[in-house]
Amino acid sequence: QKQTTTTTILSFSYLHMAKSFTSKEELITTWLANVGIEYDENIENFNIPEKDLTEFPEYFGDCFPELKKLECYCNKLTEIPDSLGNFQKLELLACDSNLITKLPETIGNLTCLKELWIFQNKIVSLPESIGNLTALTVLCCNNNKISFIPDCVCNLHNLTRFSINTNKLTELPESIGNLSNLKRLDFLGNKIKEIPMSVQYLSNLTELNCTHNLLKQIPLSIKNLPSLKKFTHDKLVRFY
């Protein structure tokens, strides 16, 4: 009963905010009150998990210029507002376990972002602007509906973990070997038929998980990667 009441309040308040308030600050202050947070434009960490949120106010990204961490996992969000791109100092974004279908192109403006956790949503593609996140070290996209990895992801040279398990991938980009600092690569539970030879250049890779795909053979050079400590693959694949 408590969760039902909270959901009703959030939905009701947001539907009427835009009509009732004239300033962005008034709108955001009232919205925050409904999730039990006091308005502070200098706030650095925003943690609002499990609040049954269905949406953010349109101007959400205009009101917290000092924000460094935004954690809104385990809600019912279906989208992220374009104004998210205004969080110029954001270093961590965790919006996993929601109902999000796409990321805004403005996410590419978050040039300080180091960790992006978007697993367990309904995302079908990654925006091209994600290639602008040059400070990114962690990209976790597990359990979505992504069918294609844009080449721009392979320009994220600071990436140390890339997890994209249980999606709809049929291939990895040929340029994935450019991720020279990558330590962990997970793509289990897809429909990938072959691993690009460029993976042999991932000299810092310590963990590789490629089980439950359509792989029949794997380049032997991958097995011999100098830093590799954990390599999980299906038993029937052969090395060539």
C-alpha atoms as a PDB file:
ATOM      1  CA  GLN A   1       0.000   0.000   0.000  1.00  0.00           C
ATOM      2  CA  LYS A   2       2.859   2.357   0.823  1.00  0.00           C
ATOM      3  CA  GLN A   3       4.433   1.987  -2.633  1.00  0.00           C
ATOM      4  CA  THR A   4       1.104   2.599  -4.356  1.00  0.00           C
ATOM      5  CA  THR A   5       0.608   5.831  -2.411  1.00  0.00           C
ATOM      6  CA  THR A   6       4.090   7.090  -3.303  1.00  0.00           C
ATOM      7  CA  THR A   7       3.560   6.423  -7.000  1.00  0.00           C
ATOM      8  CA  THR A   8       0.280   8.311  -6.990  1.00  0.00           C
ATOM      9  CA  ILE A   9       1.823  11.371  -5.344  1.00  0.00           C
ATOM     10  CA  LEU A  10       4.724  11.514  -7.807  1.00  0.00           C
ATOM     11  CA  SER A  11       2.517  11.154 -10.856  1.00  0.00           C
ATOM     12  CA  PHE A  12      -0.028  13.690  -9.657  1.00  0.00           C
ATOM     13  CA  SER A  13       2.502  16.314  -8.627  1.00  0.00           C
ATOM     14  CA  TYR A  14       4.494  16.241 -11.834  1.00  0.00           C
ATOM     15  CA  LEU A  15       1.441  16.440 -14.076  1.00  0.00           C
ATOM     16  CA  HIS A  16       0.449  19.679 -12.375  1.00  0.00           C
ATOM     17  CA  MET A  17       3.847  21.223 -11.696  1.00  0.00           C
ATOM     18  CA  ALA A  18       4.377  22.740 -15.126  1.00  0.00           C
ATOM     19  CA  LYS A  19       0.973  24.418 -14.941  1.00  0.00           C
ATOM     20  CA  SER A  20       1.219  25.559 -11.319  1.00  0.00           C
ATOM     21  CA  PHE A  21       4.755  26.948 -11.052  1.00  0.00           C
ATOM     22  CA  THR A  22       6.478  29.649 -13.015  1.00  0.00           C
ATOM     23  CA  SER A  23      10.139  29.026 -12.140  1.00  0.00           C
ATOM     24  CA  LYS A  24      12.335  25.993 -12.657  1.00  0.00           C
ATOM     25  CA  GLU A  25      13.408  26.162  -9.021  1.00  0.00           C
ATOM     26  CA  GLU A  26       9.828  25.986  -7.782  1.00  0.00           C
ATOM     27  CA  LEU A  27       9.087  23.007 -10.007  1.00  0.00           C
ATOM     28  CA  ILE A  28      12.203  21.097  -8.960  1.00  0.00           C
ATOM     29  CA  THR A  29      11.771  21.972  -5.258  1.00  0.00           C
ATOM     30  CA  THR A  30       8.278  20.511  -5.210  1.00  0.00           C
ATOM     31  CA  TRP A  31       9.315  17.443  -7.180  1.00  0.00           C
ATOM     32  CA  LEU A  32      12.206  16.808  -4.797  1.00  0.00           C
ATOM     33  CA  ALA A  33       9.937  17.164  -1.781  1.00  0.00           C
ATOM     34  CA  ASN A  34       7.907  14.246  -3.103  1.00  0.00           C
ATOM     35  CA  VAL A  35      11.002  12.025  -3.071  1.00  0.00           C
ATOM     36  CA  GLY A  36      12.117  13.249   0.334  1.00  0.00           C
ATOM     37  CA  ILE A  37      15.027  15.468  -0.741  1.00  0.00           C
ATOM     38  CA  GLU A  38      15.563  19.117   0.137  1.00  0.00           C
ATOM     39  CA  TYR A  39      16.498  21.423  -2.735  1.00  0.00           C
ATOM     40  CA  ASP A  40      20.165  22.439  -2.782  1.00  0.00           C
ATOM     41  CA  GLU A  41      21.641  23.768  -5.993  1.00  0.00           C
ATOM     42  CA  ASN A  42      25.147  22.841  -4.773  1.00  0.00           C
ATOM     43  CA  ILE A  43      24.331  19.180  -4.171  1.00  0.00           C
ATOM     44  CA  GLU A  44      27.002  16.805  -5.524  1.00  0.00           C
ATOM     45  CA  ASN A  45      25.466  13.371  -4.931  1.00  0.00           C
ATOM     46  CA  PHE A  46      21.895  12.553  -5.922  1.00  0.00           C
ATOM     47  CA  ASN A  47      20.664   9.141  -4.753  1.00  0.00           C
ATOM     48  CA  ILE A  48      17.002   8.351  -5.508  1.00  0.00           C
ATOM     49  CA  PRO A  49      16.657   4.577  -6.013  1.00  0.00           C
ATOM     50  CA  GLU A  50      13.438   2.601  -5.559  1.00  0.00           C
ATOM     51  CA  LYS A  51      11.112   5.615  -5.528  1.00  0.00           C
ATOM     52  CA  ASP A  52       8.761   4.401  -8.280  1.00  0.00           C
ATOM     53  CA  LEU A  53       9.827   7.365 -10.424  1.00  0.00           C
ATOM     54  CA  THR A  54       8.343   7.378 -13.907  1.00  0.00           C
ATOM     55  CA  GLU A  55      10.011  10.548 -15.217  1.00  0.00           C
ATOM     56  CA  PHE A  56      12.274  13.463 -14.410  1.00  0.00           C
ATOM     57  CA  PRO A  57      11.086  17.053 -14.692  1.00  0.00           C
ATOM     58  CA  GLU A  58      12.063  18.596 -18.017  1.00  0.00           C
ATOM     59  CA  TYR A  59      14.395  21.126 -16.375  1.00  0.00           C
ATOM     60  CA  PHE A  60      16.084  18.669 -14.040  1.00  0.00           C
ATOM     61  CA  GLY A  61      19.480  19.102 -15.654  1.00  0.00           C
ATOM     62  CA  ASP A  62      19.370  22.888 -15.363  1.00  0.00           C
ATOM     63  CA  CYS A  63      19.290  23.082 -11.575  1.00  0.00           C
ATOM     64  CA  PHE A  64      22.319  21.264 -10.148  1.00  0.00           C
ATOM     65  CA  PRO A  65      25.551  22.577 -11.707  1.00  0.00           C
ATOM     66  CA  GLU A  66      27.768  20.857  -9.107  1.00  0.00           C
ATOM     67  CA  LEU A  67      26.266  17.365  -9.467  1.00  0.00           C
ATOM     68  CA  LYS A  68      28.879  14.578  -9.674  1.00  0.00           C
ATOM     69  CA  LYS A  69      26.852  11.428  -8.977  1.00  0.00           C
ATOM     70  CA  LEU A  70      23.308  10.610 -10.074  1.00  0.00           C
ATOM     71  CA  GLU A  71      21.919   7.246  -8.940  1.00  0.00           C
ATOM     72  CA  CYS A  72      18.315   6.566  -9.945  1.00  0.00           C
ATOM     73  CA  TYR A  73      18.336   2.792 -10.318  1.00  0.00           C
ATOM     74  CA  CYS A  74      15.370   0.493  -9.638  1.00  0.00           C
ATOM     75  CA  ASN A  75      12.643   2.906 -10.669  1.00  0.00           C
ATOM     76  CA  LYS A  76      10.175   2.987 -13.573  1.00  0.00           C
ATOM     77  CA  LEU A  77      11.837   5.604 -15.743  1.00  0.00           C
ATOM     78  CA  THR A  78      11.142   5.286 -19.463  1.00  0.00           C
ATOM     79  CA  GLU A  79      13.433   8.073 -20.638  1.00  0.00           C
ATOM     80  CA  ILE A  80      16.116  10.505 -19.537  1.00  0.00           C
ATOM     81  CA  PRO A  81      15.548  14.195 -20.305  1.00  0.00           C
ATOM     82  CA  ASP A  82      17.787  16.030 -22.776  1.00  0.00           C
ATOM     83  CA  SER A  83      18.718  18.429 -19.975  1.00  0.00           C
ATOM     84  CA  LEU A  84      20.811  15.627 -18.464  1.00  0.00           C
ATOM     85  CA  GLY A  85      23.581  16.822 -20.752  1.00  0.00           C
ATOM     86  CA  ASN A  86      23.866  19.993 -18.683  1.00  0.00           C
ATOM     87  CA  PHE A  87      25.480  18.153 -15.769  1.00  0.00           C
ATOM     88  CA  GLN A  88      28.967  19.192 -16.845  1.00  0.00           C
ATOM     89  CA  LYS A  89      30.649  17.810 -13.704  1.00  0.00           C
ATOM     90  CA  LEU A  90      28.837  14.460 -13.583  1.00  0.00           C
ATOM     91  CA  GLU A  91      31.191  11.530 -13.000  1.00  0.00           C
ATOM     92  CA  LEU A  92      28.778   8.668 -12.299  1.00  0.00           C
ATOM     93  CA  LEU A  93      25.366   7.914 -13.802  1.00  0.00           C
ATOM     94  CA  ALA A  94      23.542   4.812 -12.577  1.00  0.00           C
ATOM     95  CA  CYS A  95      20.089   4.446 -14.102  1.00  0.00           C
ATOM     96  CA  ASP A  96      20.017   0.665 -14.281  1.00  0.00           C
ATOM     97  CA  SER A  97      16.926  -1.457 -13.622  1.00  0.00           C
ATOM     98  CA  ASN A  98      14.417   0.895 -15.205  1.00  0.00           C
ATOM     99  CA  LEU A  99      12.334   0.859 -18.397  1.00  0.00           C
ATOM    100  CA  ILE A 100      14.480   3.239 -20.443  1.00  0.00           C
ATOM    101  CA  THR A 101      14.309   2.689 -24.205  1.00  0.00           C
ATOM    102  CA  LYS A 102      16.972   5.146 -25.370  1.00  0.00           C
ATOM    103  CA  LEU A 103      19.646   7.544 -24.182  1.00  0.00           C
ATOM    104  CA  PRO A 104      19.539  11.197 -25.262  1.00  0.00           C
ATOM    105  CA  GLU A 105      22.178  12.433 -27.688  1.00  0.00           C
ATOM    106  CA  THR A 106      23.026  15.082 -25.101  1.00  0.00           C
ATOM    107  CA  ILE A 107      24.669  12.386 -22.994  1.00  0.00           C
ATOM    108  CA  GLY A 108      27.732  13.103 -25.115  1.00  0.00           C
ATOM    109  CA  ASN A 109      28.083  16.439 -23.305  1.00  0.00           C
ATOM    110  CA  LEU A 110      29.034  14.649 -20.065  1.00  0.00           C
ATOM    111  CA  THR A 111      32.752  14.813 -20.755  1.00  0.00           C
ATOM    112  CA  CYS A 112      33.663  14.212 -17.073  1.00  0.00           C
ATOM    113  CA  LEU A 113      31.614  11.002 -16.865  1.00  0.00           C
ATOM    114  CA  LYS A 114      33.651   8.031 -15.632  1.00  0.00           C
ATOM    115  CA  GLU A 115      30.998   5.369 -14.985  1.00  0.00           C
ATOM    116  CA  LEU A 116      27.790   4.671 -16.902  1.00  0.00           C
ATOM    117  CA  TRP A 117      25.529   1.923 -15.533  1.00  0.00           C
ATOM    118  CA  ILE A 118      22.518   1.344 -17.789  1.00  0.00           C
ATOM    119  CA  PHE A 119      21.980  -2.411 -17.451  1.00  0.00           C
ATOM    120  CA  GLN A 120      18.556  -4.031 -17.227  1.00  0.00           C
ATOM    121  CA  ASN A 121      16.575  -1.551 -19.293  1.00  0.00           C
ATOM    122  CA  LYS A 122      14.984  -1.714 -22.745  1.00  0.00           C
ATOM    123  CA  ILE A 123      17.609   0.246 -24.649  1.00  0.00           C
ATOM    124  CA  VAL A 124      17.820  -0.712 -28.331  1.00  0.00           C
ATOM    125  CA  SER A 125      20.846   1.335 -29.408  1.00  0.00           C
ATOM    126  CA  LEU A 126      23.696   3.477 -28.121  1.00  0.00           C
ATOM    127  CA  PRO A 127      23.835   7.087 -29.394  1.00  0.00           C
ATOM    128  CA  GLU A 128      26.783   8.157 -31.543  1.00  0.00           C
ATOM    129  CA  SER A 129      27.522  10.921 -29.042  1.00  0.00           C
ATOM    130  CA  ILE A 130      28.622   8.307 -26.511  1.00  0.00           C
ATOM    131  CA  GLY A 131      31.967   8.443 -28.292  1.00  0.00           C
ATOM    132  CA  ASN A 132      32.518  11.869 -26.719  1.00  0.00           C
ATOM    133  CA  LEU A 133      32.743  10.381 -23.219  1.00  0.00           C
ATOM    134  CA  THR A 134      36.512  10.176 -23.306  1.00  0.00           C
ATOM    135  CA  ALA A 135      36.853  10.025 -19.492  1.00  0.00           C
ATOM    136  CA  LEU A 136      34.643   6.917 -19.288  1.00  0.00           C
ATOM    137  CA  THR A 137      36.190   3.915 -17.517  1.00  0.00           C
ATOM    138  CA  VAL A 138      33.096   1.720 -16.983  1.00  0.00           C
ATOM    139  CA  LEU A 139      30.294   1.055 -19.471  1.00  0.00           C
ATOM    140  CA  CYS A 140      27.793  -1.580 -18.338  1.00  0.00           C
ATOM    141  CA  CYS A 141      24.902  -2.256 -20.748  1.00  0.00           C
ATOM    142  CA  ASN A 142      23.866  -5.781 -19.769  1.00  0.00           C
ATOM    143  CA  ASN A 143      20.301  -7.014 -20.258  1.00  0.00           C
ATOM    144  CA  ASN A 144      19.036  -4.604 -22.878  1.00  0.00           C
ATOM    145  CA  LYS A 145      18.009  -4.969 -26.527  1.00  0.00           C
ATOM    146  CA  ILE A 146      21.090  -3.513 -28.179  1.00  0.00           C
ATOM    147  CA  SER A 147      21.788  -5.024 -31.595  1.00  0.00           C
ATOM    148  CA  PHE A 148      24.776  -2.951 -32.678  1.00  0.00           C
ATOM    149  CA  ILE A 149      27.839  -1.358 -31.065  1.00  0.00           C
ATOM    150  CA  PRO A 150      28.751   1.882 -32.849  1.00  0.00           C
ATOM    151  CA  ASP A 151      32.417   2.244 -33.803  1.00  0.00           C
ATOM    152  CA  CYS A 152      32.655   5.397 -31.692  1.00  0.00           C
ATOM    153  CA  VAL A 153      32.638   3.218 -28.549  1.00  0.00           C
ATOM    154  CA  CYS A 154      36.068   1.978 -29.596  1.00  0.00           C
ATOM    155  CA  ASN A 155      37.407   5.524 -29.231  1.00  0.00           C
ATOM    156  CA  LEU A 156      36.877   5.414 -25.459  1.00  0.00           C
ATOM    157  CA  HIS A 157      40.538   4.790 -24.716  1.00  0.00           C
ATOM    158  CA  ASN A 158      40.173   5.102 -20.929  1.00  0.00           C
ATOM    159  CA  LEU A 159      37.582   2.312 -20.777  1.00  0.00           C
ATOM    160  CA  THR A 160      38.637  -0.476 -18.412  1.00  0.00           C
ATOM    161  CA  ARG A 161      35.352  -2.407 -18.261  1.00  0.00           C
ATOM    162  CA  PHE A 162      32.861  -2.962 -21.069  1.00  0.00           C
ATOM    163  CA  SER A 163      29.970  -5.311 -20.293  1.00  0.00           C
ATOM    164  CA  ILE A 164      27.210  -5.895 -22.816  1.00  0.00           C
ATOM    165  CA  ASN A 165      25.862  -9.312 -21.846  1.00  0.00           C
ATOM    166  CA  THR A 166      22.419 -10.577 -22.854  1.00  0.00           C
ATOM    167  CA  ASN A 167      21.608  -8.240 -25.699  1.00  0.00           C
ATOM    168  CA  LYS A 168      20.921  -8.840 -29.399  1.00  0.00           C
ATOM    169  CA  LEU A 169      24.414  -8.434 -30.818  1.00  0.00           C
ATOM    170  CA  THR A 170      25.450 -10.394 -33.889  1.00  0.00           C
ATOM    171  CA  GLU A 171      28.962  -8.923 -34.119  1.00  0.00           C
ATOM    172  CA  LEU A 172      31.602  -6.876 -32.349  1.00  0.00           C
ATOM    173  CA  PRO A 173      33.174  -3.851 -34.061  1.00  0.00           C
ATOM    174  CA  GLU A 174      36.429  -4.600 -35.851  1.00  0.00           C
ATOM    175  CA  SER A 175      38.076  -1.689 -34.055  1.00  0.00           C
ATOM    176  CA  ILE A 176      37.435  -3.074 -30.561  1.00  0.00           C
ATOM    177  CA  GLY A 177      41.170  -3.711 -30.303  1.00  0.00           C
ATOM    178  CA  ASN A 178      41.627   0.061 -29.964  1.00  0.00           C
ATOM    179  CA  LEU A 179      40.416  -0.114 -26.345  1.00  0.00           C
ATOM    180  CA  SER A 180      43.990  -0.393 -25.147  1.00  0.00           C
ATOM    181  CA  ASN A 181      43.233   0.044 -21.436  1.00  0.00           C
ATOM    182  CA  LEU A 182      40.387  -2.473 -21.326  1.00  0.00           C
ATOM    183  CA  LYS A 183      40.695  -4.983 -18.484  1.00  0.00           C
ATOM    184  CA  ARG A 184      37.301  -6.677 -18.591  1.00  0.00           C
ATOM    185  CA  LEU A 185      35.167  -7.507 -21.624  1.00  0.00           C
ATOM    186  CA  ASP A 186      31.842  -9.344 -21.264  1.00  0.00           C
ATOM    187  CA  PHE A 187      29.477 -10.175 -24.117  1.00  0.00           C
ATOM    188  CA  LEU A 188      27.898 -13.476 -23.098  1.00  0.00           C
ATOM    189  CA  GLY A 189      24.356 -14.320 -24.134  1.00  0.00           C
ATOM    190  CA  ASN A 190      24.327 -12.709 -27.586  1.00  0.00           C
ATOM    191  CA  LYS A 191      24.382 -14.100 -31.140  1.00  0.00           C
ATOM    192  CA  ILE A 192      27.961 -13.285 -32.050  1.00  0.00           C
ATOM    193  CA  LYS A 193      29.510 -15.688 -34.580  1.00  0.00           C
ATOM    194  CA  GLU A 194      33.113 -14.543 -34.501  1.00  0.00           C
ATOM    195  CA  ILE A 195      35.544 -12.481 -32.455  1.00  0.00           C
ATOM    196  CA  PRO A 196      37.490  -9.804 -34.351  1.00  0.00           C
ATOM    197  CA  MET A 197      41.204 -10.497 -34.639  1.00  0.00           C
ATOM    198  CA  SER A 198      41.886  -7.036 -33.198  1.00  0.00           C
ATOM    199  CA  VAL A 199      41.003  -8.379 -29.727  1.00  0.00           C
ATOM    200  CA  GLN A 200      44.545  -9.765 -29.671  1.00  0.00           C
ATOM    201  CA  TYR A 201      45.765  -6.192 -29.140  1.00  0.00           C
ATOM    202  CA  LEU A 202      43.981  -5.828 -25.805  1.00  0.00           C
ATOM    203  CA  SER A 203      47.200  -6.358 -23.904  1.00  0.00           C
ATOM    204  CA  ASN A 204      45.744  -5.201 -20.559  1.00  0.00           C
ATOM    205  CA  LEU A 205      42.716  -7.506 -20.716  1.00  0.00           C
ATOM    206  CA  THR A 206      42.464  -9.679 -17.588  1.00  0.00           C
ATOM    207  CA  GLU A 207      38.931 -11.058 -17.981  1.00  0.00           C
ATOM    208  CA  LEU A 208      37.000 -12.146 -21.079  1.00  0.00           C
ATOM    209  CA  ASN A 209      33.567 -13.775 -21.024  1.00  0.00           C
ATOM    210  CA  CYS A 210      32.047 -14.858 -24.340  1.00  0.00           C
ATOM    211  CA  THR A 211      29.870 -17.856 -23.448  1.00  0.00           C
ATOM    212  CA  HIS A 212      26.407 -18.534 -24.901  1.00  0.00           C
ATOM    213  CA  ASN A 213      26.971 -17.026 -28.314  1.00  0.00           C
ATOM    214  CA  LEU A 214      27.183 -18.661 -31.750  1.00  0.00           C
ATOM    215  CA  LEU A 215      30.958 -18.936 -31.717  1.00  0.00           C
ATOM    216  CA  LYS A 216      32.481 -22.031 -33.292  1.00  0.00           C
ATOM    217  CA  GLN A 217      36.089 -20.926 -33.258  1.00  0.00           C
ATOM    218  CA  ILE A 218      38.247 -18.380 -31.441  1.00  0.00           C
ATOM    219  CA  PRO A 219      41.631 -16.963 -32.494  1.00  0.00           C
ATOM    220  CA  LEU A 220      44.427 -18.656 -30.526  1.00  0.00           C
ATOM    221  CA  SER A 221      46.145 -15.287 -30.121  1.00  0.00           C
ATOM    222  CA  ILE A 222      43.374 -14.244 -27.719  1.00  0.00           C
ATOM    223  CA  LYS A 223      44.059 -17.179 -25.451  1.00  0.00           C
ATOM    224  CA  ASN A 224      47.670 -16.030 -25.291  1.00  0.00           C
ATOM    225  CA  LEU A 225      46.963 -12.433 -24.231  1.00  0.00           C
ATOM    226  CA  PRO A 226      49.694 -11.516 -21.711  1.00  0.00           C
ATOM    227  CA  SER A 227      47.433 -10.201 -18.908  1.00  0.00           C
ATOM    228  CA  LEU A 228      44.498 -12.598 -19.344  1.00  0.00           C
ATOM    229  CA  LYS A 229      43.626 -14.408 -16.110  1.00  0.00           C
ATOM    230  CA  LYS A 230      40.014 -15.450 -16.624  1.00  0.00           C
ATOM    231  CA  PHE A 231      38.729 -16.594 -20.019  1.00  0.00           C
ATOM    232  CA  THR A 232      35.230 -18.077 -20.069  1.00  0.00           C
ATOM    233  CA  HIS A 233      34.033 -19.670 -23.324  1.00  0.00           C
ATOM    234  CA  ASP A 234      31.845 -22.561 -24.438  1.00  0.00           C
ATOM    235  CA  LYS A 235      33.569 -25.938 -24.292  1.00  0.00           C
ATOM    236  CA  LEU A 236      32.899 -26.908 -27.907  1.00  0.00           C
ATOM    237  CA  VAL A 237      34.618 -23.954 -29.551  1.00  0.00           C
ATOM    238  CA  ARG A 238      37.993 -24.604 -31.140  1.00  0.00           C
ATOM    239  CA  PHE A 239      41.033 -22.367 -31.380  1.00  0.00           C
ATOM    240  CA  TYR A 240      42.709 -21.560 -34.678  1.00  0.00           C
END
